[in-house]
Amino acid sequence: MIELIQNTPLWIALFAVIFAQVVKIPIQYIASREINLGLAFSTGGMPSSHSAAVASLTTAIGIEHGLDSPLFAISCVLSIIVMYDATGIRRHAGEHATILNQLVKDVQRIVDEAIQWQQKEEHEKQKELKELLGHQPIEVFFGAVTGILLAIAIYSFVL
């Protein structure tokens, strides 16, 4: 158990996730002038918490074990895969969800107009597919920068 508590790269990566999730709220507020506390618990958005986590983990491992260590190599390759996935498959799934949600709204509007469906309250409760799944490349980039800077700062000023 003491080994887990002393695992600095793990704690830095977990801190990076929390930091990146929380910082999404003021960034979104600056961009839209809307406070959305739910961003702290959702996927997608600026910066990518997945990228921050893997980049901070890789940086911490590089600092502790060296850039020539097998641990750094493993972490670096897995970080690249995670960041590639965030801009690829997950982003496209989000785009598909956007189109499907619009299609559902269009079909529902046609049905409502055709038969004058009076249960609008139930329709409004319909759950939509999650659209903000993946990240734009810039979000992944800033997530990685966030993670790297957090790991370097913690090792430089805290440890």
N, C-alpha and C. Protein backbone atom coordinates (compact mmCIF):
# COMPACT_ATOMS: atom_id res chain seq x y z
N MET A 1 0.82 -1.19 0.00
CA MET A 1 0.00 0.00 0.00
C MET A 1 0.87 1.26 0.00
N ILE A 2 1.96 1.24 0.74
CA ILE A 2 2.85 2.40 0.80
C ILE A 2 3.45 2.69 -0.57
N GLU A 3 3.67 1.64 -1.36
CA GLU A 3 4.21 1.83 -2.71
C GLU A 3 3.24 2.61 -3.58
N LEU A 4 1.96 2.34 -3.42
CA LEU A 4 0.94 3.05 -4.19
C LEU A 4 0.92 4.53 -3.81
N ILE A 5 1.03 4.81 -2.53
CA ILE A 5 1.03 6.20 -2.06
C ILE A 5 2.27 6.93 -2.56
N GLN A 6 3.37 6.23 -2.72
CA GLN A 6 4.62 6.85 -3.16
C GLN A 6 4.80 6.87 -4.67
N ASN A 7 3.80 6.44 -5.41
CA ASN A 7 3.88 6.38 -6.87
C ASN A 7 3.57 7.77 -7.45
N THR A 8 4.59 8.60 -7.51
CA THR A 8 4.42 9.99 -7.95
C THR A 8 3.85 10.11 -9.35
N PRO A 9 4.32 9.35 -10.34
CA PRO A 9 3.72 9.48 -11.68
C PRO A 9 2.21 9.22 -11.69
N LEU A 10 1.77 8.27 -10.89
CA LEU A 10 0.34 7.97 -10.81
C LEU A 10 -0.43 9.17 -10.27
N TRP A 11 0.05 9.75 -9.19
CA TRP A 11 -0.65 10.88 -8.57
C TRP A 11 -0.61 12.12 -9.46
N ILE A 12 0.48 12.31 -10.16
CA ILE A 12 0.55 13.45 -11.09
C ILE A 12 -0.46 13.26 -12.22
N ALA A 13 -0.58 12.06 -12.74
CA ALA A 13 -1.54 11.79 -13.81
C ALA A 13 -2.98 12.00 -13.33
N LEU A 14 -3.29 11.53 -12.13
CA LEU A 14 -4.63 11.72 -11.58
C LEU A 14 -4.91 13.20 -11.34
N PHE A 15 -3.92 13.93 -10.84
CA PHE A 15 -4.07 15.37 -10.65
C PHE A 15 -4.30 16.06 -11.99
N ALA A 16 -3.59 15.64 -13.03
CA ALA A 16 -3.74 16.24 -14.35
C ALA A 16 -5.16 16.05 -14.89
N VAL A 17 -5.74 14.87 -14.66
CA VAL A 17 -7.12 14.63 -15.09
C VAL A 17 -8.07 15.60 -14.39
N ILE A 18 -7.94 15.70 -13.07
CA ILE A 18 -8.82 16.58 -12.30
C ILE A 18 -8.63 18.03 -12.72
N PHE A 19 -7.37 18.44 -12.84
CA PHE A 19 -7.07 19.82 -13.25
C PHE A 19 -7.68 20.13 -14.61
N ALA A 20 -7.46 19.25 -15.59
CA ALA A 20 -7.96 19.48 -16.95
C ALA A 20 -9.49 19.51 -16.97
N GLN A 21 -10.13 18.65 -16.20
CA GLN A 21 -11.59 18.64 -16.16
C GLN A 21 -12.13 19.93 -15.55
N VAL A 22 -11.53 20.37 -14.46
CA VAL A 22 -12.01 21.57 -13.77
C VAL A 22 -11.75 22.83 -14.59
N VAL A 23 -10.59 22.90 -15.24
CA VAL A 23 -10.24 24.11 -16.00
C VAL A 23 -11.13 24.28 -17.24
N LYS A 24 -11.84 23.22 -17.64
CA LYS A 24 -12.77 23.33 -18.76
C LYS A 24 -13.90 24.33 -18.46
N ILE A 25 -14.27 24.43 -17.20
CA ILE A 25 -15.39 25.30 -16.82
C ILE A 25 -15.06 26.78 -17.09
N PRO A 26 -13.94 27.32 -16.58
CA PRO A 26 -13.65 28.73 -16.89
C PRO A 26 -13.33 28.96 -18.37
N ILE A 27 -12.71 27.99 -19.02
CA ILE A 27 -12.42 28.14 -20.45
C ILE A 27 -13.72 28.24 -21.24
N GLN A 28 -14.69 27.40 -20.92
CA GLN A 28 -15.99 27.46 -21.59
C GLN A 28 -16.71 28.76 -21.26
N TYR A 29 -16.57 29.22 -20.02
CA TYR A 29 -17.20 30.49 -19.64
C TYR A 29 -16.62 31.65 -20.44
N ILE A 30 -15.32 31.66 -20.60
CA ILE A 30 -14.66 32.72 -21.39
C ILE A 30 -15.15 32.68 -22.84
N ALA A 31 -15.32 31.48 -23.37
CA ALA A 31 -15.72 31.33 -24.77
C ALA A 31 -17.20 31.63 -25.00
N SER A 32 -18.07 31.28 -24.04
CA SER A 32 -19.51 31.38 -24.29
C SER A 32 -20.28 32.23 -23.28
N ARG A 33 -19.63 32.65 -22.23
CA ARG A 33 -20.27 33.40 -21.15
C ARG A 33 -21.37 32.59 -20.46
N GLU A 34 -21.22 31.27 -20.48
CA GLU A 34 -22.15 30.37 -19.80
C GLU A 34 -21.38 29.48 -18.85
N ILE A 35 -21.88 29.34 -17.62
CA ILE A 35 -21.25 28.44 -16.66
C ILE A 35 -21.90 27.08 -16.78
N ASN A 36 -21.08 26.06 -17.02
CA ASN A 36 -21.57 24.69 -17.16
C ASN A 36 -20.72 23.80 -16.27
N LEU A 37 -21.16 23.60 -15.03
CA LEU A 37 -20.41 22.78 -14.08
C LEU A 37 -20.34 21.32 -14.51
N GLY A 38 -21.26 20.90 -15.35
CA GLY A 38 -21.27 19.52 -15.84
C GLY A 38 -20.05 19.17 -16.68
N LEU A 39 -19.36 20.18 -17.21
CA LEU A 39 -18.15 19.91 -17.99
C LEU A 39 -17.09 19.18 -17.18
N ALA A 40 -17.10 19.39 -15.88
CA ALA A 40 -16.11 18.74 -15.02
C ALA A 40 -16.29 17.22 -15.00
N PHE A 41 -17.45 16.74 -15.42
CA PHE A 41 -17.74 15.31 -15.38
C PHE A 41 -18.06 14.72 -16.74
N SER A 42 -17.72 15.44 -17.82
CA SER A 42 -18.05 14.96 -19.16
C SER A 42 -16.80 14.79 -20.01
N THR A 43 -16.98 14.11 -21.13
CA THR A 43 -15.87 13.91 -22.06
C THR A 43 -15.84 15.05 -23.06
N GLY A 44 -14.73 15.17 -23.76
CA GLY A 44 -14.58 16.20 -24.77
C GLY A 44 -14.28 17.55 -24.15
N GLY A 45 -14.03 18.53 -25.01
CA GLY A 45 -13.78 19.88 -24.55
C GLY A 45 -12.30 20.21 -24.41
N MET A 46 -12.06 21.48 -24.08
CA MET A 46 -10.70 22.02 -24.00
C MET A 46 -10.29 22.23 -22.56
N PRO A 47 -9.16 21.71 -22.13
CA PRO A 47 -8.23 20.81 -22.81
C PRO A 47 -8.65 19.35 -22.61
N SER A 48 -8.07 18.48 -23.38
CA SER A 48 -8.34 17.05 -23.27
C SER A 48 -7.73 16.51 -21.98
N SER A 49 -8.58 16.02 -21.09
CA SER A 49 -8.06 15.46 -19.83
C SER A 49 -7.35 14.13 -20.08
N HIS A 50 -7.80 13.39 -21.11
CA HIS A 50 -7.10 12.15 -21.45
C HIS A 50 -5.66 12.47 -21.86
N SER A 51 -5.50 13.47 -22.69
CA SER A 51 -4.17 13.86 -23.15
C SER A 51 -3.33 14.41 -22.00
N ALA A 52 -3.95 15.19 -21.13
CA ALA A 52 -3.23 15.71 -19.97
C ALA A 52 -2.75 14.57 -19.08
N ALA A 53 -3.59 13.57 -18.88
CA ALA A 53 -3.22 12.44 -18.03
C ALA A 53 -2.04 11.66 -18.59
N VAL A 54 -2.15 11.27 -19.86
CA VAL A 54 -1.09 10.43 -20.43
C VAL A 54 0.20 11.22 -20.64
N ALA A 55 0.08 12.51 -20.99
CA ALA A 55 1.28 13.33 -21.18
C ALA A 55 1.98 13.58 -19.85
N SER A 56 1.21 13.82 -18.79
CA SER A 56 1.84 14.04 -17.48
C SER A 56 2.45 12.74 -16.97
N LEU A 57 1.79 11.62 -17.19
CA LEU A 57 2.33 10.33 -16.78
C LEU A 57 3.65 10.04 -17.50
N THR A 58 3.65 10.24 -18.81
CA THR A 58 4.86 10.00 -19.60
C THR A 58 5.98 10.94 -19.18
N THR A 59 5.66 12.20 -18.93
CA THR A 59 6.67 13.16 -18.49
C THR A 59 7.24 12.77 -17.13
N ALA A 60 6.36 12.40 -16.20
CA ALA A 60 6.80 11.99 -14.87
C ALA A 60 7.69 10.76 -14.93
N ILE A 61 7.32 9.79 -15.75
CA ILE A 61 8.15 8.59 -15.91
C ILE A 61 9.49 8.96 -16.52
N GLY A 62 9.48 9.86 -17.51
CA GLY A 62 10.73 10.32 -18.11
C GLY A 62 11.62 11.00 -17.10
N ILE A 63 11.04 11.81 -16.24
CA ILE A 63 11.83 12.51 -15.21
C ILE A 63 12.39 11.51 -14.20
N GLU A 64 11.58 10.56 -13.75
CA GLU A 64 12.01 9.60 -12.72
C GLU A 64 12.95 8.52 -13.25
N HIS A 65 12.67 8.01 -14.43
CA HIS A 65 13.38 6.83 -14.92
C HIS A 65 14.28 7.09 -16.13
N GLY A 66 14.20 8.29 -16.69
CA GLY A 66 15.01 8.62 -17.86
C GLY A 66 14.28 8.36 -19.16
N LEU A 67 14.68 9.13 -20.16
CA LEU A 67 14.05 9.00 -21.47
C LEU A 67 14.46 7.73 -22.20
N ASP A 68 15.49 7.05 -21.70
CA ASP A 68 15.94 5.81 -22.33
C ASP A 68 15.38 4.56 -21.64
N SER A 69 14.49 4.74 -20.67
CA SER A 69 13.97 3.58 -19.94
C SER A 69 12.83 2.91 -20.71
N PRO A 70 12.68 1.61 -20.53
CA PRO A 70 11.56 0.90 -21.15
C PRO A 70 10.21 1.42 -20.65
N LEU A 71 10.12 1.84 -19.40
CA LEU A 71 8.87 2.38 -18.87
C LEU A 71 8.46 3.64 -19.64
N PHE A 72 9.43 4.50 -19.92
CA PHE A 72 9.13 5.71 -20.69
C PHE A 72 8.66 5.34 -22.09
N ALA A 73 9.31 4.37 -22.71
CA ALA A 73 8.93 3.94 -24.06
C ALA A 73 7.49 3.43 -24.08
N ILE A 74 7.14 2.59 -23.12
CA ILE A 74 5.78 2.05 -23.05
C ILE A 74 4.78 3.17 -22.85
N SER A 75 5.06 4.05 -21.90
CA SER A 75 4.15 5.15 -21.61
C SER A 75 4.00 6.09 -22.81
N CYS A 76 5.08 6.35 -23.50
CA CYS A 76 5.05 7.24 -24.65
C CYS A 76 4.19 6.66 -25.78
N VAL A 77 4.37 5.39 -26.07
CA VAL A 77 3.60 4.74 -27.14
C VAL A 77 2.11 4.72 -26.77
N LEU A 78 1.80 4.36 -25.52
CA LEU A 78 0.39 4.35 -25.10
C LEU A 78 -0.20 5.76 -25.11
N SER A 79 0.59 6.77 -24.79
CA SER A 79 0.12 8.15 -24.85
C SER A 79 -0.24 8.54 -26.27
N ILE A 80 0.60 8.17 -27.20
CA ILE A 80 0.33 8.47 -28.62
C ILE A 80 -0.97 7.80 -29.06
N ILE A 81 -1.17 6.56 -28.66
CA ILE A 81 -2.39 5.84 -29.03
C ILE A 81 -3.62 6.52 -28.44
N VAL A 82 -3.55 6.90 -27.17
CA VAL A 82 -4.69 7.57 -26.52
C VAL A 82 -5.01 8.89 -27.21
N MET A 83 -3.98 9.68 -27.50
CA MET A 83 -4.22 10.98 -28.13
C MET A 83 -4.71 10.83 -29.57
N TYR A 84 -4.21 9.85 -30.28
CA TYR A 84 -4.68 9.58 -31.64
C TYR A 84 -6.15 9.17 -31.61
N ASP A 85 -6.50 8.30 -30.67
CA ASP A 85 -7.88 7.85 -30.53
C ASP A 85 -8.81 9.02 -30.19
N ALA A 86 -8.34 9.94 -29.35
CA ALA A 86 -9.17 11.08 -28.96
C ALA A 86 -9.52 11.97 -30.16
N THR A 87 -8.59 12.09 -31.10
CA THR A 87 -8.87 12.93 -32.28
C THR A 87 -9.46 12.14 -33.42
N GLY A 88 -9.45 10.84 -33.34
CA GLY A 88 -9.93 10.01 -34.43
C GLY A 88 -11.30 9.43 -34.17
N ILE A 89 -11.31 8.21 -33.69
CA ILE A 89 -12.55 7.45 -33.55
C ILE A 89 -13.56 8.16 -32.65
N ARG A 90 -13.12 8.62 -31.48
CA ARG A 90 -14.05 9.26 -30.54
C ARG A 90 -14.61 10.55 -31.12
N ARG A 91 -13.79 11.32 -31.81
CA ARG A 91 -14.27 12.58 -32.41
C ARG A 91 -15.31 12.29 -33.49
N HIS A 92 -15.04 11.29 -34.33
CA HIS A 92 -15.98 10.95 -35.39
C HIS A 92 -17.28 10.37 -34.82
N ALA A 93 -17.19 9.62 -33.74
CA ALA A 93 -18.41 9.12 -33.09
C ALA A 93 -19.25 10.29 -32.60
N GLY A 94 -18.60 11.32 -32.09
CA GLY A 94 -19.33 12.52 -31.66
C GLY A 94 -20.00 13.23 -32.82
N GLU A 95 -19.31 13.30 -33.96
CA GLU A 95 -19.90 13.91 -35.15
C GLU A 95 -21.10 13.10 -35.64
N HIS A 96 -20.99 11.79 -35.59
CA HIS A 96 -22.13 10.94 -35.97
C HIS A 96 -23.29 11.15 -35.02
N ALA A 97 -23.00 11.29 -33.74
CA ALA A 97 -24.06 11.52 -32.76
C ALA A 97 -24.79 12.83 -33.06
N THR A 98 -24.06 13.84 -33.47
CA THR A 98 -24.67 15.13 -33.82
C THR A 98 -25.66 14.96 -34.97
N ILE A 99 -25.23 14.25 -36.00
CA ILE A 99 -26.10 14.02 -37.17
C ILE A 99 -27.31 13.18 -36.78
N LEU A 100 -27.09 12.13 -35.98
CA LEU A 100 -28.21 11.29 -35.56
C LEU A 100 -29.20 12.06 -34.70
N ASN A 101 -28.70 12.90 -33.81
CA ASN A 101 -29.60 13.71 -33.00
C ASN A 101 -30.44 14.65 -33.86
N GLN A 102 -29.83 15.25 -34.88
CA GLN A 102 -30.57 16.12 -35.78
C GLN A 102 -31.61 15.33 -36.56
N LEU A 103 -31.24 14.13 -37.00
CA LEU A 103 -32.17 13.27 -37.72
C LEU A 103 -33.37 12.92 -36.84
N VAL A 104 -33.10 12.57 -35.59
CA VAL A 104 -34.18 12.25 -34.66
C VAL A 104 -35.11 13.45 -34.49
N LYS A 105 -34.53 14.64 -34.34
CA LYS A 105 -35.35 15.86 -34.19
C LYS A 105 -36.19 16.11 -35.43
N ASP A 106 -35.60 15.94 -36.61
CA ASP A 106 -36.33 16.18 -37.87
C ASP A 106 -37.48 15.19 -38.03
N VAL A 107 -37.22 13.91 -37.77
CA VAL A 107 -38.28 12.90 -37.89
C VAL A 107 -39.38 13.18 -36.88
N GLN A 108 -38.99 13.52 -35.68
CA GLN A 108 -39.98 13.79 -34.64
C GLN A 108 -40.83 15.01 -34.99
N ARG A 109 -40.21 16.05 -35.55
CA ARG A 109 -40.95 17.25 -35.95
C ARG A 109 -41.98 16.90 -37.02
N ILE A 110 -41.59 16.06 -37.96
CA ILE A 110 -42.51 15.65 -39.03
C ILE A 110 -43.68 14.86 -38.45
N VAL A 111 -43.38 13.94 -37.54
CA VAL A 111 -44.44 13.15 -36.91
C VAL A 111 -45.36 14.06 -36.10
N ASP A 112 -44.78 14.98 -35.34
CA ASP A 112 -45.59 15.90 -34.53
C ASP A 112 -46.52 16.73 -35.40
N GLU A 113 -46.01 17.23 -36.51
CA GLU A 113 -46.83 18.06 -37.39
C GLU A 113 -47.90 17.22 -38.08
N ALA A 114 -47.56 15.99 -38.42
CA ALA A 114 -48.50 15.15 -39.17
C ALA A 114 -49.68 14.71 -38.32
N ILE A 115 -49.45 14.34 -37.10
CA ILE A 115 -50.55 13.82 -36.28
C ILE A 115 -50.86 14.71 -35.08
N GLN A 116 -50.19 15.88 -34.99
CA GLN A 116 -50.39 16.83 -33.91
C GLN A 116 -50.32 16.16 -32.54
N TRP A 117 -49.23 15.54 -32.34
CA TRP A 117 -48.98 14.80 -31.12
C TRP A 117 -48.97 15.75 -29.93
N GLN A 118 -49.73 15.46 -28.91
CA GLN A 118 -49.92 16.36 -27.78
C GLN A 118 -49.01 16.02 -26.58
N GLN A 119 -48.11 15.14 -26.72
CA GLN A 119 -47.27 14.74 -25.59
C GLN A 119 -45.88 15.37 -25.68
N LYS A 120 -45.83 16.62 -25.90
CA LYS A 120 -44.56 17.32 -26.09
C LYS A 120 -43.66 17.21 -24.85
N GLU A 121 -44.23 17.21 -23.65
CA GLU A 121 -43.43 17.12 -22.45
C GLU A 121 -42.62 15.82 -22.42
N GLU A 122 -43.22 14.73 -22.79
CA GLU A 122 -42.51 13.46 -22.83
C GLU A 122 -41.41 13.48 -23.90
N HIS A 123 -41.72 14.11 -25.03
CA HIS A 123 -40.73 14.21 -26.11
C HIS A 123 -39.51 15.01 -25.65
N GLU A 124 -39.73 16.05 -24.88
CA GLU A 124 -38.62 16.88 -24.42
C GLU A 124 -37.73 16.14 -23.43
N LYS A 125 -38.27 15.11 -22.79
CA LYS A 125 -37.48 14.32 -21.84
C LYS A 125 -36.62 13.27 -22.54
N GLN A 126 -36.79 13.15 -23.86
CA GLN A 126 -36.05 12.15 -24.62
C GLN A 126 -34.55 12.41 -24.48
N LYS A 127 -33.84 11.36 -24.19
CA LYS A 127 -32.40 11.48 -23.99
C LYS A 127 -31.69 11.48 -25.34
N GLU A 128 -30.81 12.46 -25.53
CA GLU A 128 -30.05 12.54 -26.77
C GLU A 128 -28.73 11.81 -26.63
N LEU A 129 -28.18 11.39 -27.75
CA LEU A 129 -26.86 10.76 -27.75
C LEU A 129 -25.80 11.78 -27.37
N LYS A 130 -24.78 11.33 -26.70
CA LYS A 130 -23.67 12.20 -26.29
C LYS A 130 -22.89 12.60 -27.53
N GLU A 131 -22.79 13.90 -27.80
CA GLU A 131 -22.12 14.39 -28.99
C GLU A 131 -20.68 14.80 -28.73
N LEU A 132 -20.38 15.22 -27.51
CA LEU A 132 -19.04 15.71 -27.21
C LEU A 132 -18.20 14.56 -26.68
N LEU A 133 -17.78 13.66 -27.58
CA LEU A 133 -17.04 12.47 -27.20
C LEU A 133 -15.54 12.64 -27.38
N GLY A 134 -15.14 13.12 -28.51
CA GLY A 134 -13.73 13.21 -28.83
C GLY A 134 -13.24 14.64 -28.79
N HIS A 135 -12.08 14.85 -29.37
CA HIS A 135 -11.43 16.15 -29.30
C HIS A 135 -10.95 16.62 -30.66
N GLN A 136 -10.95 17.93 -30.82
CA GLN A 136 -10.27 18.54 -31.95
C GLN A 136 -8.77 18.39 -31.70
N PRO A 137 -7.95 18.35 -32.74
CA PRO A 137 -6.51 18.23 -32.53
C PRO A 137 -5.93 19.30 -31.59
N ILE A 138 -6.46 20.51 -31.63
CA ILE A 138 -5.95 21.58 -30.77
C ILE A 138 -6.25 21.28 -29.30
N GLU A 139 -7.38 20.63 -29.03
CA GLU A 139 -7.74 20.27 -27.66
C GLU A 139 -6.79 19.20 -27.13
N VAL A 140 -6.43 18.25 -27.98
CA VAL A 140 -5.48 17.21 -27.59
C VAL A 140 -4.10 17.83 -27.37
N PHE A 141 -3.70 18.75 -28.24
CA PHE A 141 -2.41 19.41 -28.10
C PHE A 141 -2.33 20.14 -26.76
N PHE A 142 -3.35 20.94 -26.44
CA PHE A 142 -3.31 21.68 -25.19
C PHE A 142 -3.48 20.76 -23.98
N GLY A 143 -4.16 19.65 -24.13
CA GLY A 143 -4.21 18.65 -23.05
C GLY A 143 -2.83 18.09 -22.78
N ALA A 144 -2.10 17.77 -23.85
CA ALA A 144 -0.73 17.25 -23.69
C ALA A 144 0.18 18.30 -23.07
N VAL A 145 0.09 19.53 -23.54
CA VAL A 145 0.90 20.62 -22.97
C VAL A 145 0.57 20.80 -21.49
N THR A 146 -0.71 20.76 -21.15
CA THR A 146 -1.13 20.88 -19.75
C THR A 146 -0.49 19.79 -18.91
N GLY A 147 -0.57 18.55 -19.37
CA GLY A 147 0.00 17.43 -18.62
C GLY A 147 1.50 17.54 -18.46
N ILE A 148 2.20 17.89 -19.52
CA ILE A 148 3.66 18.01 -19.47
C ILE A 148 4.05 19.12 -18.49
N LEU A 149 3.41 20.27 -18.60
CA LEU A 149 3.75 21.40 -17.72
C LEU A 149 3.42 21.11 -16.26
N LEU A 150 2.30 20.41 -16.01
CA LEU A 150 1.97 20.05 -14.63
C LEU A 150 3.00 19.11 -14.04
N ALA A 151 3.42 18.11 -14.80
CA ALA A 151 4.41 17.15 -14.29
C ALA A 151 5.74 17.85 -14.01
N ILE A 152 6.18 18.69 -14.92
CA ILE A 152 7.44 19.42 -14.72
C ILE A 152 7.33 20.35 -13.52
N ALA A 153 6.21 21.06 -13.40
CA ALA A 153 6.02 21.98 -12.27
C ALA A 153 6.01 21.25 -10.93
N ILE A 154 5.32 20.13 -10.88
CA ILE A 154 5.27 19.38 -9.61
C ILE A 154 6.64 18.86 -9.23
N TYR A 155 7.37 18.31 -10.19
CA TYR A 155 8.72 17.82 -9.88
C TYR A 155 9.66 18.96 -9.54
N SER A 156 9.48 20.12 -10.14
CA SER A 156 10.39 21.25 -9.92
C SER A 156 10.11 21.99 -8.62
N PHE A 157 8.82 22.15 -8.28
CA PHE A 157 8.48 23.02 -7.17
C PHE A 157 7.91 22.32 -5.95
N VAL A 158 7.40 21.10 -6.12
CA VAL A 158 6.76 20.40 -5.01
C VAL A 158 7.64 19.28 -4.47
N LEU A 159 8.23 18.52 -5.35
CA LEU A 159 8.99 17.34 -4.91
C LEU A 159 10.48 17.63 -4.79
